[in-house]
C-alpha atoms as a PDB file:
ATOM      1  CA  MET A   1      98.135  98.509 163.897  1.00  0.00           C
ATOM      2  CA  ALA A   2     100.808  95.970 163.048  1.00  0.00           C
ATOM      3  CA  THR A   3      99.885  92.712 161.316  1.00  0.00           C
ATOM      4  CA  LEU A   4     102.828  90.650 162.568  1.00  0.00           C
ATOM      5  CA  LYS A   5     101.748  87.704 164.722  1.00  0.00           C
ATOM      6  CA  VAL A   6     104.242  86.456 167.308  1.00  0.00           C
ATOM      7  CA  PRO A   7     103.363  83.320 169.316  1.00  0.00           C
ATOM      8  CA  SER A   8     102.939  83.681 173.073  1.00  0.00           C
ATOM      9  CA  GLN A   9     105.703  81.141 173.640  1.00  0.00           C
ATOM     10  CA  VAL A  10     108.719  81.872 171.467  1.00  0.00           C
ATOM     11  CA  PRO A  11     111.650  79.417 171.269  1.00  0.00           C
ATOM     12  CA  SER A  12     115.058  80.695 172.329  1.00  0.00           C
ATOM     13  CA  PRO A  13     117.305  82.338 169.702  1.00  0.00           C
ATOM     14  CA  ALA A  14     119.530  79.257 169.931  1.00  0.00           C
ATOM     15  CA  GLU A  15     116.612  76.949 169.088  1.00  0.00           C
ATOM     16  CA  ASP A  16     115.499  79.172 166.218  1.00  0.00           C
ATOM     17  CA  SER A  17     119.056  79.315 164.898  1.00  0.00           C
ATOM     18  CA  GLU A  18     119.331  75.537 165.031  1.00  0.00           C
ATOM     19  CA  GLN A  19     116.065  75.113 163.135  1.00  0.00           C
ATOM     20  CA  LEU A  20     117.138  77.627 160.492  1.00  0.00           C
ATOM     21  CA  ARG A  21     120.421  75.792 160.093  1.00  0.00           C
ATOM     22  CA  LYS A  22     118.494  72.549 159.553  1.00  0.00           C
ATOM     23  CA  ALA A  23     116.322  74.293 156.962  1.00  0.00           C
ATOM     24  CA  PHE A  24     119.440  74.945 154.880  1.00  0.00           C
ATOM     25  CA  GLN A  25     120.768  71.397 155.042  1.00  0.00           C
ATOM     26  CA  GLY A  26     119.849  68.310 153.040  1.00  0.00           C
ATOM     27  CA  TRP A  27     118.852  68.026 149.413  1.00  0.00           C
ATOM     28  CA  GLY A  28     116.550  71.021 149.381  1.00  0.00           C
ATOM     29  CA  THR A  29     115.898  74.127 151.446  1.00  0.00           C
ATOM     30  CA  ASN A  30     112.926  73.933 153.817  1.00  0.00           C
ATOM     31  CA  GLU A  31     111.253  77.229 152.910  1.00  0.00           C
ATOM     32  CA  ASP A  32     108.181  76.557 155.060  1.00  0.00           C
ATOM     33  CA  LEU A  33     110.356  76.185 158.154  1.00  0.00           C
ATOM     34  CA  ILE A  34     112.120  79.469 157.405  1.00  0.00           C
ATOM     35  CA  ILE A  35     108.767  81.240 157.054  1.00  0.00           C
ATOM     36  CA  SER A  36     107.357  79.656 160.208  1.00  0.00           C
ATOM     37  CA  ILE A  37     110.257  81.088 162.218  1.00  0.00           C
ATOM     38  CA  LEU A  38     111.253  84.440 160.739  1.00  0.00           C
ATOM     39  CA  ALA A  39     107.759  85.616 159.751  1.00  0.00           C
ATOM     40  CA  HIS A  40     106.651  85.239 163.374  1.00  0.00           C
ATOM     41  CA  ARG A  41     109.437  87.057 165.203  1.00  0.00           C
ATOM     42  CA  ASN A  42     109.619  90.763 165.959  1.00  0.00           C
ATOM     43  CA  ALA A  43     112.625  92.976 165.217  1.00  0.00           C
ATOM     44  CA  ALA A  44     114.289  92.410 168.596  1.00  0.00           C
ATOM     45  CA  GLN A  45     113.849  88.634 168.307  1.00  0.00           C
ATOM     46  CA  ARG A  46     115.182  88.566 164.745  1.00  0.00           C
ATOM     47  CA  LYS A  47     118.239  90.544 165.833  1.00  0.00           C
ATOM     48  CA  LEU A  48     118.984  87.983 168.562  1.00  0.00           C
ATOM     49  CA  ILE A  49     118.550  85.134 166.088  1.00  0.00           C
ATOM     50  CA  HIS A  50     120.925  86.850 163.677  1.00  0.00           C
ATOM     51  CA  GLU A  51     123.553  87.335 166.396  1.00  0.00           C
ATOM     52  CA  THR A  52     123.152  83.830 167.840  1.00  0.00           C
ATOM     53  CA  TYR A  53     123.375  82.203 164.402  1.00  0.00           C
ATOM     54  CA  SER A  54     126.660  84.002 163.706  1.00  0.00           C
ATOM     55  CA  GLN A  55     128.113  83.127 167.105  1.00  0.00           C
ATOM     56  CA  THR A  56     127.069  79.486 166.861  1.00  0.00           C
ATOM     57  CA  TYR A  57     127.965  78.657 163.264  1.00  0.00           C
ATOM     58  CA  GLY A  58     130.529  81.310 162.378  1.00  0.00           C
ATOM     59  CA  GLU A  59     128.499  82.371 159.354  1.00  0.00           C
ATOM     60  CA  ASP A  60     126.149  85.233 158.612  1.00  0.00           C
ATOM     61  CA  LEU A  61     122.455  84.337 158.513  1.00  0.00           C
ATOM     62  CA  LEU A  62     121.727  86.874 155.786  1.00  0.00           C
ATOM     63  CA  THR A  63     124.489  85.419 153.619  1.00  0.00           C
ATOM     64  CA  ASP A  64     123.092  81.910 154.058  1.00  0.00           C
ATOM     65  CA  LEU A  65     119.569  83.106 153.258  1.00  0.00           C
ATOM     66  CA  ASP A  66     120.913  84.792 150.149  1.00  0.00           C
ATOM     67  CA  LYS A  67     122.645  81.564 149.062  1.00  0.00           C
ATOM     68  CA  GLU A  68     119.724  79.250 149.785  1.00  0.00           C
ATOM     69  CA  LEU A  69     116.802  81.315 148.485  1.00  0.00           C
ATOM     70  CA  SER A  70     116.098  83.084 145.226  1.00  0.00           C
ATOM     71  CA  SER A  71     114.019  85.663 143.409  1.00  0.00           C
ATOM     72  CA  ASP A  72     111.270  87.688 145.119  1.00  0.00           C
ATOM     73  CA  PHE A  73     111.018  85.238 148.003  1.00  0.00           C
ATOM     74  CA  GLU A  74     114.686  85.751 148.836  1.00  0.00           C
ATOM     75  CA  ARG A  75     114.327  89.551 148.726  1.00  0.00           C
ATOM     76  CA  ALA A  76     111.295  89.475 151.013  1.00  0.00           C
ATOM     77  CA  VAL A  77     112.970  87.194 153.577  1.00  0.00           C
ATOM     78  CA  VAL A  78     116.250  89.119 153.597  1.00  0.00           C
ATOM     79  CA  LEU A  79     114.561  92.528 153.869  1.00  0.00           C
ATOM     80  CA  TRP A  80     112.357  91.268 156.665  1.00  0.00           C
ATOM     81  CA  THR A  81     115.248  89.677 158.571  1.00  0.00           C
ATOM     82  CA  LEU A  82     117.134  92.972 158.625  1.00  0.00           C
ATOM     83  CA  GLY A  83     116.362  95.292 161.512  1.00  0.00           C
ATOM     84  CA  PRO A  84     114.234  98.357 160.610  1.00  0.00           C
ATOM     85  CA  ALA A  85     117.158 100.817 160.615  1.00  0.00           C
ATOM     86  CA  GLU A  86     119.474  98.492 158.666  1.00  0.00           C
ATOM     87  CA  ARG A  87     116.675  97.738 156.201  1.00  0.00           C
ATOM     88  CA  ASP A  88     116.035 101.434 155.551  1.00  0.00           C
ATOM     89  CA  ALA A  89     119.764 102.050 155.160  1.00  0.00           C
ATOM     90  CA  PHE A  90     119.937  99.215 152.608  1.00  0.00           C
ATOM     91  CA  LEU A  91     116.929 100.571 150.690  1.00  0.00           C
ATOM     92  CA  VAL A  92     118.322 104.106 150.612  1.00  0.00           C
ATOM     93  CA  ASN A  93     121.662 102.855 149.322  1.00  0.00           C
ATOM     94  CA  GLU A  94     119.917 100.777 146.679  1.00  0.00           C
ATOM     95  CA  ALA A  95     117.820 103.795 145.652  1.00  0.00           C
ATOM     96  CA  THR A  96     120.954 105.823 144.926  1.00  0.00           C
ATOM     97  CA  LYS A  97     122.550 103.205 142.671  1.00  0.00           C
ATOM     98  CA  ARG A  98     122.626 103.861 138.939  1.00  0.00           C
ATOM     99  CA  LEU A  99     120.648 100.760 137.960  1.00  0.00           C
ATOM    100  CA  THR A 100     118.174 100.864 140.864  1.00  0.00           C
ATOM    101  CA  LYS A 101     117.946 104.650 141.310  1.00  0.00           C
ATOM    102  CA  ASN A 102     114.578 105.609 142.796  1.00  0.00           C
ATOM    103  CA  ASN A 103     113.814 109.078 144.159  1.00  0.00           C
ATOM    104  CA  TRP A 104     110.438 107.885 145.378  1.00  0.00           C
ATOM    105  CA  ILE A 105     111.956 105.398 147.826  1.00  0.00           C
ATOM    106  CA  LEU A 106     114.184 108.156 149.228  1.00  0.00           C
ATOM    107  CA  MET A 107     111.136 110.371 149.702  1.00  0.00           C
ATOM    108  CA  GLU A 108     109.098 107.515 151.182  1.00  0.00           C
ATOM    109  CA  ILE A 109     111.635 106.624 153.854  1.00  0.00           C
ATOM    110  CA  ALA A 110     112.258 110.256 154.804  1.00  0.00           C
ATOM    111  CA  SER A 111     108.549 111.074 155.018  1.00  0.00           C
ATOM    112  CA  THR A 112     106.885 108.022 156.570  1.00  0.00           C
ATOM    113  CA  ARG A 113     109.360 107.237 159.360  1.00  0.00           C
ATOM    114  CA  SER A 114     109.351 108.928 162.744  1.00  0.00           C
ATOM    115  CA  SER A 115     112.181 111.360 163.405  1.00  0.00           C
ATOM    116  CA  LEU A 116     113.873 108.821 165.669  1.00  0.00           C
ATOM    117  CA  ASP A 117     113.501 105.983 163.154  1.00  0.00           C
ATOM    118  CA  LEU A 118     114.961 108.155 160.391  1.00  0.00           C
ATOM    119  CA  PHE A 119     117.838 109.127 162.681  1.00  0.00           C
ATOM    120  CA  LYS A 120     118.552 105.445 163.420  1.00  0.00           C
ATOM    121  CA  ALA A 121     118.496 104.674 159.703  1.00  0.00           C
ATOM    122  CA  LYS A 122     121.034 107.445 159.103  1.00  0.00           C
ATOM    123  CA  GLN A 123     123.238 106.021 161.860  1.00  0.00           C
ATOM    124  CA  ALA A 124     122.999 102.550 160.311  1.00  0.00           C
ATOM    125  CA  TYR A 125     123.816 104.011 156.893  1.00  0.00           C
ATOM    126  CA  GLN A 126     126.953 105.720 158.166  1.00  0.00           C
ATOM    127  CA  ALA A 127     128.064 102.583 160.010  1.00  0.00           C
ATOM    128  CA  ARG A 128     127.631 100.376 156.932  1.00  0.00           C
ATOM    129  CA  PHE A 129     128.597 102.634 154.031  1.00  0.00           C
ATOM    130  CA  LYS A 130     130.947 105.137 155.734  1.00  0.00           C
ATOM    131  CA  ARG A 131     129.034 108.046 154.226  1.00  0.00           C
ATOM    132  CA  SER A 132     125.966 110.033 155.200  1.00  0.00           C
ATOM    133  CA  ILE A 133     122.565 109.652 153.597  1.00  0.00           C
ATOM    134  CA  GLU A 134     122.510 113.405 152.987  1.00  0.00           C
ATOM    135  CA  GLU A 135     125.718 113.429 150.952  1.00  0.00           C
ATOM    136  CA  ASP A 136     124.678 110.444 148.834  1.00  0.00           C
ATOM    137  CA  VAL A 137     121.214 111.872 148.160  1.00  0.00           C
ATOM    138  CA  ALA A 138     122.791 115.222 147.230  1.00  0.00           C
ATOM    139  CA  TYR A 139     125.285 113.512 144.928  1.00  0.00           C
ATOM    140  CA  HIS A 140     122.753 111.311 143.140  1.00  0.00           C
ATOM    141  CA  THR A 141     119.992 113.889 142.628  1.00  0.00           C
ATOM    142  CA  SER A 142     119.862 117.284 140.954  1.00  0.00           C
ATOM    143  CA  GLY A 143     117.771 120.378 140.419  1.00  0.00           C
ATOM    144  CA  ASP A 144     114.419 120.737 142.154  1.00  0.00           C
ATOM    145  CA  ILE A 145     114.415 117.104 143.271  1.00  0.00           C
ATOM    146  CA  ARG A 146     117.661 117.672 145.153  1.00  0.00           C
ATOM    147  CA  LYS A 147     116.185 120.828 146.736  1.00  0.00           C
ATOM    148  CA  LEU A 148     113.298 118.707 148.023  1.00  0.00           C
ATOM    149  CA  LEU A 149     115.039 115.486 149.039  1.00  0.00           C
ATOM    150  CA  VAL A 150     118.185 116.748 150.785  1.00  0.00           C
ATOM    151  CA  PRO A 151     116.349 118.715 153.511  1.00  0.00           C
ATOM    152  CA  LEU A 152     113.729 115.980 153.682  1.00  0.00           C
ATOM    153  CA  VAL A 153     116.285 113.317 154.644  1.00  0.00           C
ATOM    154  CA  GLY A 154     118.315 115.774 156.727  1.00  0.00           C
ATOM    155  CA  THR A 155     115.651 117.145 159.051  1.00  0.00           C
ATOM    156  CA  PHE A 156     114.833 115.937 162.562  1.00  0.00           C
ATOM    157  CA  ARG A 157     111.171 116.867 162.875  1.00  0.00           C
ATOM    158  CA  TYR A 158     109.439 117.552 166.153  1.00  0.00           C
ATOM    159  CA  ASP A 159     107.168 114.540 166.688  1.00  0.00           C
ATOM    160  CA  GLY A 160     104.795 116.016 169.273  1.00  0.00           C
ATOM    161  CA  ASP A 161     101.128 116.981 168.893  1.00  0.00           C
ATOM    162  CA  GLU A 162     101.421 120.677 169.764  1.00  0.00           C
ATOM    163  CA  VAL A 163     100.196 123.008 167.016  1.00  0.00           C
ATOM    164  CA  ASN A 164     100.545 126.770 166.514  1.00  0.00           C
ATOM    165  CA  MET A 165      97.340 127.810 164.752  1.00  0.00           C
ATOM    166  CA  ILE A 166      98.544 131.351 164.020  1.00  0.00           C
ATOM    167  CA  LEU A 167     101.560 129.866 162.262  1.00  0.00           C
ATOM    168  CA  ALA A 168      99.327 127.341 160.462  1.00  0.00           C
ATOM    169  CA  LYS A 169      97.183 130.157 159.039  1.00  0.00           C
ATOM    170  CA  SER A 170     100.148 132.262 157.922  1.00  0.00           C
ATOM    171  CA  GLU A 171     101.928 129.297 156.324  1.00  0.00           C
ATOM    172  CA  ALA A 172      98.741 128.140 154.594  1.00  0.00           C
ATOM    173  CA  LYS A 173      98.575 131.590 153.013  1.00  0.00           C
ATOM    174  CA  LEU A 174     102.254 131.377 152.072  1.00  0.00           C
ATOM    175  CA  LEU A 175     101.790 127.980 150.423  1.00  0.00           C
ATOM    176  CA  HIS A 176      98.754 129.222 148.505  1.00  0.00           C
ATOM    177  CA  GLU A 177     100.628 132.280 147.242  1.00  0.00           C
ATOM    178  CA  LYS A 178     103.612 130.265 146.026  1.00  0.00           C
ATOM    179  CA  ILE A 179     101.419 127.666 144.328  1.00  0.00           C
ATOM    180  CA  ALA A 180      99.342 130.396 142.657  1.00  0.00           C
ATOM    181  CA  GLU A 181     102.601 131.871 141.361  1.00  0.00           C
ATOM    182  CA  LYS A 182     103.643 128.346 140.210  1.00  0.00           C
ATOM    183  CA  ALA A 183     106.738 128.793 142.395  1.00  0.00           C
ATOM    184  CA  TYR A 184     106.639 125.124 143.328  1.00  0.00           C
ATOM    185  CA  ASN A 185     110.339 125.046 144.209  1.00  0.00           C
ATOM    186  CA  HIS A 186     110.363 128.215 146.312  1.00  0.00           C
ATOM    187  CA  GLU A 187     112.555 127.891 149.391  1.00  0.00           C
ATOM    188  CA  ASP A 188     109.759 128.948 151.769  1.00  0.00           C
ATOM    189  CA  LEU A 189     107.353 126.365 150.352  1.00  0.00           C
ATOM    190  CA  LEU A 190     110.009 123.667 150.680  1.00  0.00           C
ATOM    191  CA  ARG A 191     110.934 124.845 154.186  1.00  0.00           C
ATOM    192  CA  VAL A 192     107.362 124.336 155.395  1.00  0.00           C
ATOM    193  CA  ILE A 193     107.002 120.921 153.767  1.00  0.00           C
ATOM    194  CA  THR A 194     110.385 119.544 154.767  1.00  0.00           C
ATOM    195  CA  THR A 195     110.782 120.831 158.337  1.00  0.00           C
ATOM    196  CA  ARG A 196     107.448 121.343 160.099  1.00  0.00           C
ATOM    197  CA  SER A 197     106.163 118.645 162.434  1.00  0.00           C
ATOM    198  CA  LYS A 198     103.547 116.381 160.934  1.00  0.00           C
ATOM    199  CA  ALA A 199     100.913 117.728 163.337  1.00  0.00           C
ATOM    200  CA  GLN A 200     101.780 121.316 162.389  1.00  0.00           C
ATOM    201  CA  LEU A 201     101.765 120.487 158.691  1.00  0.00           C
ATOM    202  CA  ASN A 202      98.362 118.814 159.006  1.00  0.00           C
ATOM    203  CA  ALA A 203      96.974 121.931 160.706  1.00  0.00           C
ATOM    204  CA  THR A 204      98.411 124.116 157.949  1.00  0.00           C
ATOM    205  CA  LEU A 205      96.934 121.963 155.187  1.00  0.00           C
ATOM    206  CA  ASN A 206      93.541 121.779 156.901  1.00  0.00           C
ATOM    207  CA  HIS A 207      93.478 125.575 157.064  1.00  0.00           C
ATOM    208  CA  TYR A 208      94.593 125.698 153.421  1.00  0.00           C
ATOM    209  CA  ASN A 209      91.599 123.569 152.432  1.00  0.00           C
ATOM    210  CA  ASN A 210      89.131 125.547 154.561  1.00  0.00           C
ATOM    211  CA  GLU A 211      90.421 128.966 153.552  1.00  0.00           C
ATOM    212  CA  PHE A 212      90.997 128.455 149.840  1.00  0.00           C
ATOM    213  CA  GLY A 213      88.419 125.774 149.031  1.00  0.00           C
ATOM    214  CA  ASN A 214      90.775 123.200 147.602  1.00  0.00           C
ATOM    215  CA  GLU A 215      93.095 120.539 148.945  1.00  0.00           C
ATOM    216  CA  ILE A 216      96.712 121.408 148.264  1.00  0.00           C
ATOM    217  CA  ASP A 217      97.388 118.302 146.157  1.00  0.00           C
ATOM    218  CA  LYS A 218      94.593 119.363 143.777  1.00  0.00           C
ATOM    219  CA  ASP A 219      96.227 122.760 143.328  1.00  0.00           C
ATOM    220  CA  LEU A 220      99.537 121.025 142.632  1.00  0.00           C
ATOM    221  CA  GLU A 221      97.958 118.701 140.050  1.00  0.00           C
ATOM    222  CA  THR A 222      99.105 120.650 137.015  1.00  0.00           C
ATOM    223  CA  ASP A 223     101.379 118.376 135.006  1.00  0.00           C
ATOM    224  CA  SER A 224     101.229 114.614 135.430  1.00  0.00           C
ATOM    225  CA  ASP A 225     104.537 114.219 133.573  1.00  0.00           C
ATOM    226  CA  ASP A 226     106.465 116.507 135.923  1.00  0.00           C
ATOM    227  CA  GLU A 227     108.421 114.185 138.245  1.00  0.00           C
ATOM    228  CA  TYR A 228     109.202 116.935 140.721  1.00  0.00           C
ATOM    229  CA  LEU A 229     105.550 117.950 141.122  1.00  0.00           C
ATOM    230  CA  ASN A 230     104.456 114.321 141.422  1.00  0.00           C
ATOM    231  CA  LEU A 231     107.161 113.755 144.036  1.00  0.00           C
ATOM    232  CA  LEU A 232     106.128 116.893 145.935  1.00  0.00           C
ATOM    233  CA  ARG A 233     102.494 115.790 146.006  1.00  0.00           C
ATOM    234  CA  ALA A 234     103.481 112.307 147.162  1.00  0.00           C
ATOM    235  CA  THR A 235     105.678 113.834 149.882  1.00  0.00           C
ATOM    236  CA  ILE A 236     102.750 115.813 151.254  1.00  0.00           C
ATOM    237  CA  LYS A 237     100.504 112.749 151.191  1.00  0.00           C
ATOM    238  CA  SER A 238     103.068 110.486 152.858  1.00  0.00           C
ATOM    239  CA  LEU A 239     103.754 113.055 155.589  1.00  0.00           C
ATOM    240  CA  THR A 240     100.090 113.638 156.401  1.00  0.00           C
ATOM    241  CA  TYR A 241      98.243 110.432 155.404  1.00  0.00           C
ATOM    242  CA  PRO A 242     100.845 107.655 155.059  1.00  0.00           C
ATOM    243  CA  GLU A 243      98.174 104.949 154.931  1.00  0.00           C
ATOM    244  CA  LYS A 244      96.703 106.604 151.820  1.00  0.00           C
ATOM    245  CA  TYR A 245     100.128 106.896 150.254  1.00  0.00           C
ATOM    246  CA  PHE A 246     100.872 103.210 150.851  1.00  0.00           C
ATOM    247  CA  GLU A 247      97.390 102.164 149.692  1.00  0.00           C
ATOM    248  CA  GLU A 248      97.933 103.892 146.369  1.00  0.00           C
ATOM    249  CA  LEU A 249     101.394 102.368 146.079  1.00  0.00           C
ATOM    250  CA  LEU A 250      99.997  98.869 146.665  1.00  0.00           C
ATOM    251  CA  ARG A 251      97.067  99.434 144.300  1.00  0.00           C
ATOM    252  CA  LEU A 252      99.432 100.416 141.497  1.00  0.00           C
ATOM    253  CA  ALA A 253     101.795  97.545 142.336  1.00  0.00           C
ATOM    254  CA  ILE A 254      99.066  94.904 142.286  1.00  0.00           C
ATOM    255  CA  ASN A 255      96.612  96.150 139.689  1.00  0.00           C
ATOM    256  CA  LYS A 256      99.033  97.021 136.903  1.00  0.00           C
ATOM    257  CA  THR A 257      99.879  94.635 134.094  1.00  0.00           C
ATOM    258  CA  GLY A 258     102.538  92.559 135.799  1.00  0.00           C
ATOM    259  CA  THR A 259     102.977  92.908 139.529  1.00  0.00           C
ATOM    260  CA  ASP A 260     105.541  95.390 140.853  1.00  0.00           C
ATOM    261  CA  GLU A 261     107.064  92.900 143.295  1.00  0.00           C
ATOM    262  CA  TRP A 262     109.722  95.328 144.548  1.00  0.00           C
ATOM    263  CA  ALA A 263     107.108  97.827 145.710  1.00  0.00           C
ATOM    264  CA  LEU A 264     104.855  95.108 147.142  1.00  0.00           C
ATOM    265  CA  THR A 265     107.754  93.518 149.034  1.00  0.00           C
ATOM    266  CA  ARG A 266     108.964  96.857 150.363  1.00  0.00           C
ATOM    267  CA  VAL A 267     105.591  97.915 151.739  1.00  0.00           C
ATOM    268  CA  VAL A 268     104.809  94.590 153.428  1.00  0.00           C
ATOM    269  CA  THR A 269     108.258  94.099 154.974  1.00  0.00           C
ATOM    270  CA  THR A 270     108.641  97.683 156.210  1.00  0.00           C
ATOM    271  CA  ARG A 271     105.095  98.188 157.528  1.00  0.00           C
ATOM    272  CA  ALA A 272     104.169  94.780 159.009  1.00  0.00           C
ATOM    273  CA  GLU A 273     105.424  95.885 162.434  1.00  0.00           C
ATOM    274  CA  VAL A 274     104.086  99.428 162.100  1.00  0.00           C
ATOM    275  CA  ASP A 275     100.748 100.141 160.430  1.00  0.00           C
ATOM    276  CA  LEU A 276     100.053  97.491 157.781  1.00  0.00           C
ATOM    277  CA  GLN A 277      96.640  96.771 159.316  1.00  0.00           C
ATOM    278  CA  LYS A 278      95.661 100.420 158.858  1.00  0.00           C
ATOM    279  CA  ILE A 279      96.970 100.337 155.297  1.00  0.00           C
ATOM    280  CA  ALA A 280      94.964  97.150 154.655  1.00  0.00           C
ATOM    281  CA  GLU A 281      91.805  98.840 155.958  1.00  0.00           C
ATOM    282  CA  GLU A 282      92.416 101.802 153.656  1.00  0.00           C
ATOM    283  CA  TYR A 283      93.001  99.387 150.759  1.00  0.00           C
ATOM    284  CA  GLN A 284      89.730  97.555 151.337  1.00  0.00           C
ATOM    285  CA  LYS A 285      87.825 100.828 151.668  1.00  0.00           C
ATOM    286  CA  ARG A 286      89.305 102.124 148.421  1.00  0.00           C
ATOM    287  CA  ASN A 287      89.162  98.891 146.367  1.00  0.00           C
ATOM    288  CA  SER A 288      86.376  96.827 148.005  1.00  0.00           C
ATOM    289  CA  VAL A 289      88.780  93.870 148.187  1.00  0.00           C
ATOM    290  CA  PRO A 290      90.745  92.707 151.264  1.00  0.00           C
ATOM    291  CA  LEU A 291      94.451  93.353 150.798  1.00  0.00           C
ATOM    292  CA  ASP A 292      95.434  89.801 151.719  1.00  0.00           C
ATOM    293  CA  ARG A 293      93.096  88.437 149.044  1.00  0.00           C
ATOM    294  CA  ALA A 294      94.486  90.860 146.453  1.00  0.00           C
ATOM    295  CA  ILE A 295      98.025  89.756 147.308  1.00  0.00           C
ATOM    296  CA  ALA A 296      97.036  86.065 147.247  1.00  0.00           C
ATOM    297  CA  ASN A 297      95.447  86.485 143.815  1.00  0.00           C
ATOM    298  CA  ASP A 298      98.494  88.257 142.404  1.00  0.00           C
ATOM    299  CA  THR A 299     101.360  86.166 143.815  1.00  0.00           C
ATOM    300  CA  SER A 300     102.221  82.508 144.229  1.00  0.00           C
ATOM    301  CA  GLY A 301     104.513  79.985 145.905  1.00  0.00           C
ATOM    302  CA  ASP A 302     106.821  80.797 148.783  1.00  0.00           C
ATOM    303  CA  TYR A 303     106.742  84.488 147.922  1.00  0.00           C
ATOM    304  CA  GLN A 304     102.990  84.512 148.471  1.00  0.00           C
ATOM    305  CA  LYS A 305     103.417  82.573 151.730  1.00  0.00           C
ATOM    306  CA  ILE A 306     105.885  85.028 153.282  1.00  0.00           C
ATOM    307  CA  LEU A 307     103.772  88.058 152.362  1.00  0.00           C
ATOM    308  CA  LEU A 308     100.583  86.528 153.762  1.00  0.00           C
ATOM    309  CA  ALA A 309     102.412  85.391 156.903  1.00  0.00           C
ATOM    310  CA  LEU A 310     103.606  88.945 157.524  1.00  0.00           C
ATOM    311  CA  MET A 311     100.035  90.127 157.053  1.00  0.00           C
ATOM    312  CA  GLY A 312      98.929  87.673 159.741  1.00  0.00           C
ATOM    313  CA  HIS A 313      97.013  85.486 157.273  1.00  0.00           C
ATOM    314  CA  ASP A 314      99.274  82.478 156.723  1.00  0.00           C
ATOM    315  CA  ASP A 315      96.508  80.205 158.012  1.00  0.00           C
END
């Protein structure tokens, strides 16, 4: 369900590197050429371009992109050019900084990636920053949010489809009891949410709905100003229905007064090779407007071009 479009005949990494080098030279940067290359290469191809560019010219492609481009367009191109694991590592590090601190991005990456993808991101984080994601998340969070996020980023979930229905029924009852007691930070509730496989968690939540007559997020909807509860509800949604989580994120990013370009850029660049088509379908169903049209109406210039190209609609 990716939206990325790669041509059937792709130039060699050396040819792409040469063209990118030309795009940086002269009186002005050739942004259209950059988009035509990078927005139509998959992660493996972009990695080879990055390596070839460095070997050929003795300079880092990301550094040159950073020097030549600016604003939201630069952020979109640089994030996209990074490999998935390196990109997630960069976003996690950014989300733990004082000025760009964002618990929601930490939750999003931990919850919407596969176990293997999260593991690769943690490897990339250690290689680049010489620390673990777990220790930085623990250091930069506190209280109930720390109790939720540290195990969330630290777990290696089983990714298979097998489900234990007896366990699903017992844990649905456990979740209902803790929520009824308003023990939203209870260790057993957090253990179920942060460690069970996504298939097992879905079975548990389906039984919760059938047995107790309410979806779990409705029972958790008690205080809209409580960041922990909002984060817990978003965690459950992103673990079980990531396309609905991302649809809501895009809707808020696009429809608010003033576009949230950071959120829009993050979703498009991280999901274009994964499930952006499914997210776009959910967006149209929820808003009666195609996602590419909503993005086109809310952005402009080269930034608009790179986003639409990654959605497969640069024509």
